[in-house]
Amino acid sequence: MVHVIAEVRVKHGNVDEFIKIFKENVPLVRAEKGCIQYVPTVDVNADLPPQIMDENVVTIVEAWEGLEDLRAHLASPHMLAYREKVSGVVENVTIRVLREA
């Protein structure tokens, strides 16, 4: 299993629009082979130092059965369409692909 933490920096004032578009795509992703988890998350203030809060970041938490499934996901037609839909509201995306240590 691999885990993915994708940090999406959204243009100021566009987080709600981004989440709406993202959630429209979730059922298609969840139906993909190998998808275990795929959920958008936002910061919640827990008063736990050294927590960093950023209202313009949506963190996507994913789990996939394997790297082949993740690669197929990234190349799927609905992901290509999703990236086009959010291109006007996203500033930057970074991802971390992780395995259990």
PDB file of N, CA and C in Angstrom:
ATOM      1  N   MET A   1       0.852  -1.175   0.000  1.00  0.00           N
ATOM      2  CA  MET A   1       0.000   0.000   0.000  1.00  0.00           C
ATOM      3  C   MET A   1       0.895   1.235   0.000  1.00  0.00           C
ATOM      4  N   VAL A   2       0.448   2.271  -0.726  1.00  0.00           N
ATOM      5  CA  VAL A   2       1.119   3.555  -0.691  1.00  0.00           C
ATOM      6  C   VAL A   2       0.122   4.613  -0.230  1.00  0.00           C
ATOM      7  N   HIS A   3       0.655   5.600   0.453  1.00  0.00           N
ATOM      8  CA  HIS A   3      -0.136   6.725   0.911  1.00  0.00           C
ATOM      9  C   HIS A   3       0.328   7.951   0.145  1.00  0.00           C
ATOM     10  N   VAL A   4      -0.603   8.841  -0.138  1.00  0.00           N
ATOM     11  CA  VAL A   4      -0.270  10.080  -0.824  1.00  0.00           C
ATOM     12  C   VAL A   4      -0.820  11.230   0.009  1.00  0.00           C
ATOM     13  N   ILE A   5       0.032  12.226   0.222  1.00  0.00           N
ATOM     14  CA  ILE A   5      -0.385  13.477   0.840  1.00  0.00           C
ATOM     15  C   ILE A   5      -0.141  14.548  -0.222  1.00  0.00           C
ATOM     16  N   ALA A   6      -1.228  15.081  -0.758  1.00  0.00           N
ATOM     17  CA  ALA A   6      -1.125  16.118  -1.784  1.00  0.00           C
ATOM     18  C   ALA A   6      -1.563  17.439  -1.173  1.00  0.00           C
ATOM     19  N   GLU A   7      -0.698  18.428  -1.257  1.00  0.00           N
ATOM     20  CA  GLU A   7      -1.013  19.754  -0.732  1.00  0.00           C
ATOM     21  C   GLU A   7      -1.339  20.663  -1.905  1.00  0.00           C
ATOM     22  N   VAL A   8      -2.568  21.153  -1.927  1.00  0.00           N
ATOM     23  CA  VAL A   8      -3.032  22.002  -3.019  1.00  0.00           C
ATOM     24  C   VAL A   8      -3.189  23.424  -2.489  1.00  0.00           C
ATOM     25  N   ARG A   9      -2.354  24.329  -2.996  1.00  0.00           N
ATOM     26  CA  ARG A   9      -2.483  25.740  -2.635  1.00  0.00           C
ATOM     27  C   ARG A   9      -3.457  26.371  -3.615  1.00  0.00           C
ATOM     28  N   VAL A  10      -4.554  26.882  -3.053  1.00  0.00           N
ATOM     29  CA  VAL A  10      -5.643  27.452  -3.847  1.00  0.00           C
ATOM     30  C   VAL A  10      -5.562  28.966  -3.763  1.00  0.00           C
ATOM     31  N   LYS A  11      -5.880  29.625  -4.872  1.00  0.00           N
ATOM     32  CA  LYS A  11      -5.892  31.088  -4.879  1.00  0.00           C
ATOM     33  C   LYS A  11      -6.862  31.595  -3.820  1.00  0.00           C
ATOM     34  N   HIS A  12      -6.456  32.676  -3.143  1.00  0.00           N
ATOM     35  CA  HIS A  12      -7.243  33.241  -2.053  1.00  0.00           C
ATOM     36  C   HIS A  12      -8.701  33.446  -2.467  1.00  0.00           C
ATOM     37  N   GLY A  13      -9.600  32.976  -1.618  1.00  0.00           N
ATOM     38  CA  GLY A  13     -11.031  33.139  -1.856  1.00  0.00           C
ATOM     39  C   GLY A  13     -11.659  32.077  -2.731  1.00  0.00           C
ATOM     40  N   ASN A  14     -10.887  31.069  -3.132  1.00  0.00           N
ATOM     41  CA  ASN A  14     -11.387  30.048  -4.050  1.00  0.00           C
ATOM     42  C   ASN A  14     -11.449  28.640  -3.467  1.00  0.00           C
ATOM     43  N   VAL A  15     -11.248  28.500  -2.161  1.00  0.00           N
ATOM     44  CA  VAL A  15     -11.222  27.166  -1.553  1.00  0.00           C
ATOM     45  C   VAL A  15     -12.560  26.459  -1.715  1.00  0.00           C
ATOM     46  N   ASP A  16     -13.661  27.149  -1.472  1.00  0.00           N
ATOM     47  CA  ASP A  16     -14.980  26.510  -1.602  1.00  0.00           C
ATOM     48  C   ASP A  16     -15.223  26.010  -3.020  1.00  0.00           C
ATOM     49  N   GLU A  17     -14.854  26.813  -4.009  1.00  0.00           N
ATOM     50  CA  GLU A  17     -15.020  26.401  -5.403  1.00  0.00           C
ATOM     51  C   GLU A  17     -14.156  25.179  -5.714  1.00  0.00           C
ATOM     52  N   PHE A  18     -12.906  25.199  -5.231  1.00  0.00           N
ATOM     53  CA  PHE A  18     -12.021  24.056  -5.448  1.00  0.00           C
ATOM     54  C   PHE A  18     -12.613  22.789  -4.840  1.00  0.00           C
ATOM     55  N   ILE A  19     -13.068  22.868  -3.584  1.00  0.00           N
ATOM     56  CA  ILE A  19     -13.612  21.692  -2.900  1.00  0.00           C
ATOM     57  C   ILE A  19     -14.848  21.172  -3.627  1.00  0.00           C
ATOM     58  N   LYS A  20     -15.687  22.059  -4.128  1.00  0.00           N
ATOM     59  CA  LYS A  20     -16.876  21.632  -4.871  1.00  0.00           C
ATOM     60  C   LYS A  20     -16.473  20.819  -6.101  1.00  0.00           C
ATOM     61  N   ILE A  21     -15.529  21.333  -6.883  1.00  0.00           N
ATOM     62  CA  ILE A  21     -15.062  20.621  -8.081  1.00  0.00           C
ATOM     63  C   ILE A  21     -14.413  19.299  -7.677  1.00  0.00           C
ATOM     64  N   PHE A  22     -13.589  19.334  -6.637  1.00  0.00           N
ATOM     65  CA  PHE A  22     -12.900  18.129  -6.180  1.00  0.00           C
ATOM     66  C   PHE A  22     -13.900  17.044  -5.795  1.00  0.00           C
ATOM     67  N   LYS A  23     -14.900  17.419  -4.992  1.00  0.00           N
ATOM     68  CA  LYS A  23     -15.867  16.430  -4.512  1.00  0.00           C
ATOM     69  C   LYS A  23     -16.713  15.846  -5.641  1.00  0.00           C
ATOM     70  N   GLU A  24     -16.914  16.588  -6.722  1.00  0.00           N
ATOM     71  CA  GLU A  24     -17.623  16.043  -7.883  1.00  0.00           C
ATOM     72  C   GLU A  24     -16.850  14.887  -8.504  1.00  0.00           C
ATOM     73  N   ASN A  25     -15.534  14.906  -8.360  1.00  0.00           N
ATOM     74  CA  ASN A  25     -14.665  13.889  -8.951  1.00  0.00           C
ATOM     75  C   ASN A  25     -14.441  12.689  -8.023  1.00  0.00           C
ATOM     76  N   VAL A  26     -14.702  12.849  -6.731  1.00  0.00           N
ATOM     77  CA  VAL A  26     -14.410  11.793  -5.749  1.00  0.00           C
ATOM     78  C   VAL A  26     -15.064  10.448  -6.091  1.00  0.00           C
ATOM     79  N   PRO A  27     -16.354  10.391  -6.454  1.00  0.00           N
ATOM     80  CA  PRO A  27     -16.934   9.068  -6.757  1.00  0.00           C
ATOM     81  C   PRO A  27     -16.221   8.339  -7.899  1.00  0.00           C
ATOM     82  N   LEU A  28     -15.753   9.085  -8.891  1.00  0.00           N
ATOM     83  CA  LEU A  28     -15.028   8.462 -10.000  1.00  0.00           C
ATOM     84  C   LEU A  28     -13.695   7.888  -9.524  1.00  0.00           C
ATOM     85  N   VAL A  29     -13.015   8.636  -8.671  1.00  0.00           N
ATOM     86  CA  VAL A  29     -11.725   8.168  -8.144  1.00  0.00           C
ATOM     87  C   VAL A  29     -11.933   6.972  -7.231  1.00  0.00           C
ATOM     88  N   ARG A  30     -12.926   7.054  -6.341  1.00  0.00           N
ATOM     89  CA  ARG A  30     -13.169   5.949  -5.407  1.00  0.00           C
ATOM     90  C   ARG A  30     -13.527   4.655  -6.136  1.00  0.00           C
ATOM     91  N   ALA A  31     -14.043   4.752  -7.356  1.00  0.00           N
ATOM     92  CA  ALA A  31     -14.390   3.567  -8.139  1.00  0.00           C
ATOM     93  C   ALA A  31     -13.178   2.969  -8.865  1.00  0.00           C
ATOM     94  N   GLU A  32     -12.063   3.667  -8.841  1.00  0.00           N
ATOM     95  CA  GLU A  32     -10.871   3.184  -9.534  1.00  0.00           C
ATOM     96  C   GLU A  32     -10.277   1.962  -8.834  1.00  0.00           C
ATOM     97  N   LYS A  33      -9.660   1.113  -9.633  1.00  0.00           N
ATOM     98  CA  LYS A  33      -8.960  -0.053  -9.099  1.00  0.00           C
ATOM     99  C   LYS A  33      -7.866   0.412  -8.139  1.00  0.00           C
ATOM    100  N   GLY A  34      -7.877  -0.148  -6.947  1.00  0.00           N
ATOM    101  CA  GLY A  34      -6.810   0.102  -5.995  1.00  0.00           C
ATOM    102  C   GLY A  34      -7.014   1.286  -5.066  1.00  0.00           C
ATOM    103  N   CYS A  35      -8.074   2.056  -5.254  1.00  0.00           N
ATOM    104  CA  CYS A  35      -8.301   3.207  -4.381  1.00  0.00           C
ATOM    105  C   CYS A  35      -8.864   2.744  -3.037  1.00  0.00           C
ATOM    106  N   ILE A  36      -8.168   3.088  -1.975  1.00  0.00           N
ATOM    107  CA  ILE A  36      -8.597   2.739  -0.626  1.00  0.00           C
ATOM    108  C   ILE A  36      -9.175   3.962   0.081  1.00  0.00           C
ATOM    109  N   GLN A  37      -8.532   5.108  -0.113  1.00  0.00           N
ATOM    110  CA  GLN A  37      -8.988   6.347   0.522  1.00  0.00           C
ATOM    111  C   GLN A  37      -8.655   7.516  -0.389  1.00  0.00           C
ATOM    112  N   TYR A  38      -9.568   8.491  -0.440  1.00  0.00           N
ATOM    113  CA  TYR A  38      -9.362   9.688  -1.254  1.00  0.00           C
ATOM    114  C   TYR A  38     -10.261  10.773  -0.693  1.00  0.00           C
ATOM    115  N   VAL A  39      -9.693  11.683   0.091  1.00  0.00           N
ATOM    116  CA  VAL A  39     -10.516  12.660   0.794  1.00  0.00           C
ATOM    117  C   VAL A  39      -9.803  14.016   0.882  1.00  0.00           C
ATOM    118  N   PRO A  40     -10.539  15.098   0.614  1.00  0.00           N
ATOM    119  CA  PRO A  40      -9.961  16.428   0.819  1.00  0.00           C
ATOM    120  C   PRO A  40     -10.087  16.816   2.295  1.00  0.00           C
ATOM    121  N   THR A  41      -9.076  17.499   2.819  1.00  0.00           N
ATOM    122  CA  THR A  41      -9.111  17.954   4.199  1.00  0.00           C
ATOM    123  C   THR A  41      -8.644  19.401   4.269  1.00  0.00           C
ATOM    124  N   VAL A  42      -9.099  20.101   5.300  1.00  0.00           N
ATOM    125  CA  VAL A  42      -8.655  21.472   5.558  1.00  0.00           C
ATOM    126  C   VAL A  42      -8.198  21.551   7.011  1.00  0.00           C
ATOM    127  N   ASP A  43      -7.401  22.566   7.293  1.00  0.00           N
ATOM    128  CA  ASP A  43      -6.858  22.732   8.636  1.00  0.00           C
ATOM    129  C   ASP A  43      -7.957  22.972   9.663  1.00  0.00           C
ATOM    130  N   VAL A  44      -7.752  22.400  10.826  1.00  0.00           N
ATOM    131  CA  VAL A  44      -8.608  22.667  11.976  1.00  0.00           C
ATOM    132  C   VAL A  44      -7.685  23.090  13.122  1.00  0.00           C
ATOM    133  N   ASN A  45      -8.035  24.164  13.781  1.00  0.00           N
ATOM    134  CA  ASN A  45      -7.184  24.671  14.844  1.00  0.00           C
ATOM    135  C   ASN A  45      -7.293  23.774  16.070  1.00  0.00           C
ATOM    136  N   ALA A  46      -6.209  23.097  16.372  1.00  0.00           N
ATOM    137  CA  ALA A  46      -6.178  22.184  17.510  1.00  0.00           C
ATOM    138  C   ALA A  46      -5.345  22.741  18.660  1.00  0.00           C
ATOM    139  N   ASP A  47      -4.826  23.955  18.490  1.00  0.00           N
ATOM    140  CA  ASP A  47      -3.964  24.568  19.513  1.00  0.00           C
ATOM    141  C   ASP A  47      -2.818  23.642  19.913  1.00  0.00           C
ATOM    142  N   LEU A  48      -2.241  22.987  18.931  1.00  0.00           N
ATOM    143  CA  LEU A  48      -1.115  22.086  19.180  1.00  0.00           C
ATOM    144  C   LEU A  48       0.126  22.614  18.470  1.00  0.00           C
ATOM    145  N   PRO A  49       1.074  23.160  19.241  1.00  0.00           N
ATOM    146  CA  PRO A  49       2.294  23.626  18.589  1.00  0.00           C
ATOM    147  C   PRO A  49       3.071  22.428  18.078  1.00  0.00           C
ATOM    148  N   PRO A  50       3.729  22.497  17.000  1.00  0.00           N
ATOM    149  CA  PRO A  50       3.961  23.621  16.099  1.00  0.00           C
ATOM    150  C   PRO A  50       3.016  23.612  14.891  1.00  0.00           C
ATOM    151  N   GLN A  51       1.753  23.476  15.107  1.00  0.00           N
ATOM    152  CA  GLN A  51       0.774  23.406  14.019  1.00  0.00           C
ATOM    153  C   GLN A  51       0.856  24.647  13.135  1.00  0.00           C
ATOM    154  N   ILE A  52       0.780  24.418  11.836  1.00  0.00           N
ATOM    155  CA  ILE A  52       0.758  25.497  10.851  1.00  0.00           C
ATOM    156  C   ILE A  52      -0.632  25.522  10.237  1.00  0.00           C
ATOM    157  N   MET A  53      -1.261  26.680  10.270  1.00  0.00           N
ATOM    158  CA  MET A  53      -2.602  26.846   9.700  1.00  0.00           C
ATOM    159  C   MET A  53      -2.482  27.622   8.391  1.00  0.00           C
ATOM    160  N   ASP A  54      -3.235  27.209   7.390  1.00  0.00           N
ATOM    161  CA  ASP A  54      -3.255  27.933   6.124  1.00  0.00           C
ATOM    162  C   ASP A  54      -4.621  27.755   5.487  1.00  0.00           C
ATOM    163  N   GLU A  55      -5.406  28.808   5.454  1.00  0.00           N
ATOM    164  CA  GLU A  55      -6.770  28.735   4.933  1.00  0.00           C
ATOM    165  C   GLU A  55      -6.825  28.545   3.420  1.00  0.00           C
ATOM    166  N   ASN A  56      -5.695  28.670   2.745  1.00  0.00           N
ATOM    167  CA  ASN A  56      -5.661  28.532   1.293  1.00  0.00           C
ATOM    168  C   ASN A  56      -5.090  27.193   0.836  1.00  0.00           C
ATOM    169  N   VAL A  57      -4.942  26.261   1.760  1.00  0.00           N
ATOM    170  CA  VAL A  57      -4.407  24.941   1.418  1.00  0.00           C
ATOM    171  C   VAL A  57      -5.464  23.877   1.685  1.00  0.00           C
ATOM    172  N   VAL A  58      -5.663  23.009   0.697  1.00  0.00           N
ATOM    173  CA  VAL A  58      -6.484  21.818   0.855  1.00  0.00           C
ATOM    174  C   VAL A  58      -5.528  20.638   0.752  1.00  0.00           C
ATOM    175  N   THR A  59      -5.544  19.779   1.759  1.00  0.00           N
ATOM    176  CA  THR A  59      -4.663  18.618   1.770  1.00  0.00           C
ATOM    177  C   THR A  59      -5.487  17.390   1.405  1.00  0.00           C
ATOM    178  N   ILE A  60      -5.042  16.699   0.365  1.00  0.00           N
ATOM    179  CA  ILE A  60      -5.718  15.489  -0.092  1.00  0.00           C
ATOM    180  C   ILE A  60      -5.004  14.295   0.539  1.00  0.00           C
ATOM    181  N   VAL A  61      -5.763  13.454   1.249  1.00  0.00           N
ATOM    182  CA  VAL A  61      -5.216  12.263   1.891  1.00  0.00           C
ATOM    183  C   VAL A  61      -5.692  11.060   1.088  1.00  0.00           C
ATOM    184  N   GLU A  62      -4.727  10.300   0.582  1.00  0.00           N
ATOM    185  CA  GLU A  62      -5.046   9.172  -0.299  1.00  0.00           C
ATOM    186  C   GLU A  62      -4.346   7.906   0.191  1.00  0.00           C
ATOM    187  N   ALA A  63      -4.938   6.767  -0.143  1.00  0.00           N
ATOM    188  CA  ALA A  63      -4.290   5.473   0.049  1.00  0.00           C
ATOM    189  C   ALA A  63      -4.619   4.623  -1.168  1.00  0.00           C
ATOM    190  N   TRP A  64      -3.596   3.959  -1.704  1.00  0.00           N
ATOM    191  CA  TRP A  64      -3.715   3.128  -2.905  1.00  0.00           C
ATOM    192  C   TRP A  64      -3.079   1.776  -2.642  1.00  0.00           C
ATOM    193  N   GLU A  65      -3.623   0.748  -3.273  1.00  0.00           N
ATOM    194  CA  GLU A  65      -3.069  -0.590  -3.104  1.00  0.00           C
ATOM    195  C   GLU A  65      -1.631  -0.670  -3.589  1.00  0.00           C
ATOM    196  N   GLY A  66      -1.268   0.091  -4.616  1.00  0.00           N
ATOM    197  CA  GLY A  66       0.100   0.064  -5.127  1.00  0.00           C
ATOM    198  C   GLY A  66       0.391   1.225  -6.045  1.00  0.00           C
ATOM    199  N   LEU A  67       1.659   1.352  -6.408  1.00  0.00           N
ATOM    200  CA  LEU A  67       2.090   2.438  -7.282  1.00  0.00           C
ATOM    201  C   LEU A  67       1.456   2.366  -8.666  1.00  0.00           C
ATOM    202  N   GLU A  68       1.237   1.164  -9.170  1.00  0.00           N
ATOM    203  CA  GLU A  68       0.613   1.037 -10.496  1.00  0.00           C
ATOM    204  C   GLU A  68      -0.784   1.638 -10.490  1.00  0.00           C
ATOM    205  N   ASP A  69      -1.538   1.413  -9.404  1.00  0.00           N
ATOM    206  CA  ASP A  69      -2.876   1.983  -9.286  1.00  0.00           C
ATOM    207  C   ASP A  69      -2.812   3.507  -9.214  1.00  0.00           C
ATOM    208  N   LEU A  70      -1.851   4.020  -8.466  1.00  0.00           N
ATOM    209  CA  LEU A  70      -1.681   5.472  -8.363  1.00  0.00           C
ATOM    210  C   LEU A  70      -1.340   6.078  -9.722  1.00  0.00           C
ATOM    211  N   ARG A  71      -0.429   5.453 -10.441  1.00  0.00           N
ATOM    212  CA  ARG A  71      -0.049   5.966 -11.769  1.00  0.00           C
ATOM    213  C   ARG A  71      -1.237   5.939 -12.735  1.00  0.00           C
ATOM    214  N   ALA A  72      -2.018   4.872 -12.690  1.00  0.00           N
ATOM    215  CA  ALA A  72      -3.208   4.786 -13.548  1.00  0.00           C
ATOM    216  C   ALA A  72      -4.211   5.881 -13.172  1.00  0.00           C
ATOM    217  N   HIS A  73      -4.367   6.128 -11.892  1.00  0.00           N
ATOM    218  CA  HIS A  73      -5.258   7.189 -11.409  1.00  0.00           C
ATOM    219  C   HIS A  73      -4.851   8.537 -11.995  1.00  0.00           C
ATOM    220  N   LEU A  74      -3.572   8.855 -11.918  1.00  0.00           N
ATOM    221  CA  LEU A  74      -3.099  10.160 -12.381  1.00  0.00           C
ATOM    222  C   LEU A  74      -3.288  10.352 -13.884  1.00  0.00           C
ATOM    223  N   ALA A  75      -3.323   9.257 -14.641  1.00  0.00           N
ATOM    224  CA  ALA A  75      -3.480   9.336 -16.090  1.00  0.00           C
ATOM    225  C   ALA A  75      -4.926   9.141 -16.552  1.00  0.00           C
ATOM    226  N   SER A  76      -5.845   8.929 -15.631  1.00  0.00           N
ATOM    227  CA  SER A  76      -7.231   8.641 -16.009  1.00  0.00           C
ATOM    228  C   SER A  76      -7.900   9.863 -16.649  1.00  0.00           C
ATOM    229  N   PRO A  77      -8.847   9.633 -17.557  1.00  0.00           N
ATOM    230  CA  PRO A  77      -9.528  10.749 -18.222  1.00  0.00           C
ATOM    231  C   PRO A  77     -10.220  11.706 -17.256  1.00  0.00           C
ATOM    232  N   HIS A  78     -10.827  11.180 -16.193  1.00  0.00           N
ATOM    233  CA  HIS A  78     -11.505  12.090 -15.263  1.00  0.00           C
ATOM    234  C   HIS A  78     -10.519  12.944 -14.470  1.00  0.00           C
ATOM    235  N   MET A  79      -9.298  12.461 -14.249  1.00  0.00           N
ATOM    236  CA  MET A  79      -8.310  13.288 -13.566  1.00  0.00           C
ATOM    237  C   MET A  79      -7.774  14.366 -14.504  1.00  0.00           C
ATOM    238  N   LEU A  80      -7.631  14.051 -15.772  1.00  0.00           N
ATOM    239  CA  LEU A  80      -7.213  15.066 -16.739  1.00  0.00           C
ATOM    240  C   LEU A  80      -8.268  16.169 -16.822  1.00  0.00           C
ATOM    241  N   ALA A  81      -9.536  15.784 -16.836  1.00  0.00           N
ATOM    242  CA  ALA A  81     -10.631  16.759 -16.873  1.00  0.00           C
ATOM    243  C   ALA A  81     -10.676  17.570 -15.582  1.00  0.00           C
ATOM    244  N   TYR A  82     -10.481  16.918 -14.449  1.00  0.00           N
ATOM    245  CA  TYR A  82     -10.466  17.607 -13.151  1.00  0.00           C
ATOM    246  C   TYR A  82      -9.370  18.667 -13.121  1.00  0.00           C
ATOM    247  N   ARG A  83      -8.157  18.299 -13.555  1.00  0.00           N
ATOM    248  CA  ARG A  83      -7.046  19.254 -13.539  1.00  0.00           C
ATOM    249  C   ARG A  83      -7.356  20.476 -14.405  1.00  0.00           C
ATOM    250  N   GLU A  84      -8.027  20.256 -15.511  1.00  0.00           N
ATOM    251  CA  GLU A  84      -8.426  21.372 -16.371  1.00  0.00           C
ATOM    252  C   GLU A  84      -9.440  22.268 -15.649  1.00  0.00           C
ATOM    253  N   LYS A  85     -10.406  21.658 -14.963  1.00  0.00           N
ATOM    254  CA  LYS A  85     -11.452  22.424 -14.263  1.00  0.00           C
ATOM    255  C   LYS A  85     -10.892  23.281 -13.138  1.00  0.00           C
ATOM    256  N   VAL A  86      -9.865  22.791 -12.433  1.00  0.00           N
ATOM    257  CA  VAL A  86      -9.336  23.539 -11.289  1.00  0.00           C
ATOM    258  C   VAL A  86      -8.140  24.426 -11.647  1.00  0.00           C
ATOM    259  N   SER A  87      -7.731  24.406 -12.891  1.00  0.00           N
ATOM    260  CA  SER A  87      -6.516  25.142 -13.279  1.00  0.00           C
ATOM    261  C   SER A  87      -6.597  26.642 -12.975  1.00  0.00           C
ATOM    262  N   GLY A  88      -7.776  27.217 -13.012  1.00  0.00           N
ATOM    263  CA  GLY A  88      -7.915  28.642 -12.750  1.00  0.00           C
ATOM    264  C   GLY A  88      -7.908  29.022 -11.282  1.00  0.00           C
ATOM    265  N   VAL A  89      -8.054  28.047 -10.385  1.00  0.00           N
ATOM    266  CA  VAL A  89      -8.116  28.357  -8.949  1.00  0.00           C
ATOM    267  C   VAL A  89      -6.938  27.792  -8.161  1.00  0.00           C
ATOM    268  N   VAL A  90      -6.123  26.946  -8.779  1.00  0.00           N
ATOM    269  CA  VAL A  90      -4.994  26.328  -8.083  1.00  0.00           C
ATOM    270  C   VAL A  90      -3.707  27.088  -8.398  1.00  0.00           C
ATOM    271  N   GLU A  91      -2.963  27.411  -7.336  1.00  0.00           N
ATOM    272  CA  GLU A  91      -1.664  28.062  -7.507  1.00  0.00           C
ATOM    273  C   GLU A  91      -0.531  27.056  -7.626  1.00  0.00           C
ATOM    274  N   ASN A  92      -0.585  25.999  -6.792  1.00  0.00           N
ATOM    275  CA  ASN A  92       0.529  25.065  -6.735  1.00  0.00           C
ATOM    276  C   ASN A  92       0.065  23.752  -6.110  1.00  0.00           C
ATOM    277  N   VAL A  93       0.702  22.660  -6.523  1.00  0.00           N
ATOM    278  CA  VAL A  93       0.423  21.345  -5.941  1.00  0.00           C
ATOM    279  C   VAL A  93       1.753  20.676  -5.630  1.00  0.00           C
ATOM    280  N   THR A  94       1.852  20.122  -4.429  1.00  0.00           N
ATOM    281  CA  THR A  94       2.997  19.285  -4.081  1.00  0.00           C
ATOM    282  C   THR A  94       2.448  17.952  -3.570  1.00  0.00           C
ATOM    283  N   ILE A  95       3.180  16.886  -3.845  1.00  0.00           N
ATOM    284  CA  ILE A  95       2.740  15.582  -3.348  1.00  0.00           C
ATOM    285  C   ILE A  95       3.893  14.848  -2.677  1.00  0.00           C
ATOM    286  N   ARG A  96       3.489  14.011  -1.725  1.00  0.00           N
ATOM    287  CA  ARG A  96       4.411  13.085  -1.082  1.00  0.00           C
ATOM    288  C   ARG A  96       3.792  11.699  -1.241  1.00  0.00           C
ATOM    289  N   VAL A  97       4.582  10.773  -1.759  1.00  0.00           N
ATOM    290  CA  VAL A  97       4.138   9.386  -1.884  1.00  0.00           C
ATOM    291  C   VAL A  97       4.945   8.601  -0.850  1.00  0.00           C
ATOM    292  N   LEU A  98       4.212   7.901   0.022  1.00  0.00           N
ATOM    293  CA  LEU A  98       4.821   7.280   1.181  1.00  0.00           C
ATOM    294  C   LEU A  98       4.484   5.796   1.280  1.00  0.00           C
ATOM    295  N   ARG A  99       5.363   5.050   1.909  1.00  0.00           N
ATOM    296  CA  ARG A  99       5.096   3.658   2.256  1.00  0.00           C
ATOM    297  C   ARG A  99       5.343   3.485   3.736  1.00  0.00           C
ATOM    298  N   GLU A 100       4.749   2.453   4.305  1.00  0.00           N
ATOM    299  CA  GLU A 100       4.963   2.192   5.722  1.00  0.00           C
ATOM    300  C   GLU A 100       6.426   1.901   5.978  1.00  0.00           C
ATOM    301  N   ALA A 101       6.957   2.456   7.036  1.00  0.00           N
ATOM    302  CA  ALA A 101       8.386   2.265   7.375  1.00  0.00           C
ATOM    303  C   ALA A 101       8.601   0.957   8.109  1.00  0.00           C
TER     304      ALA A 101
END
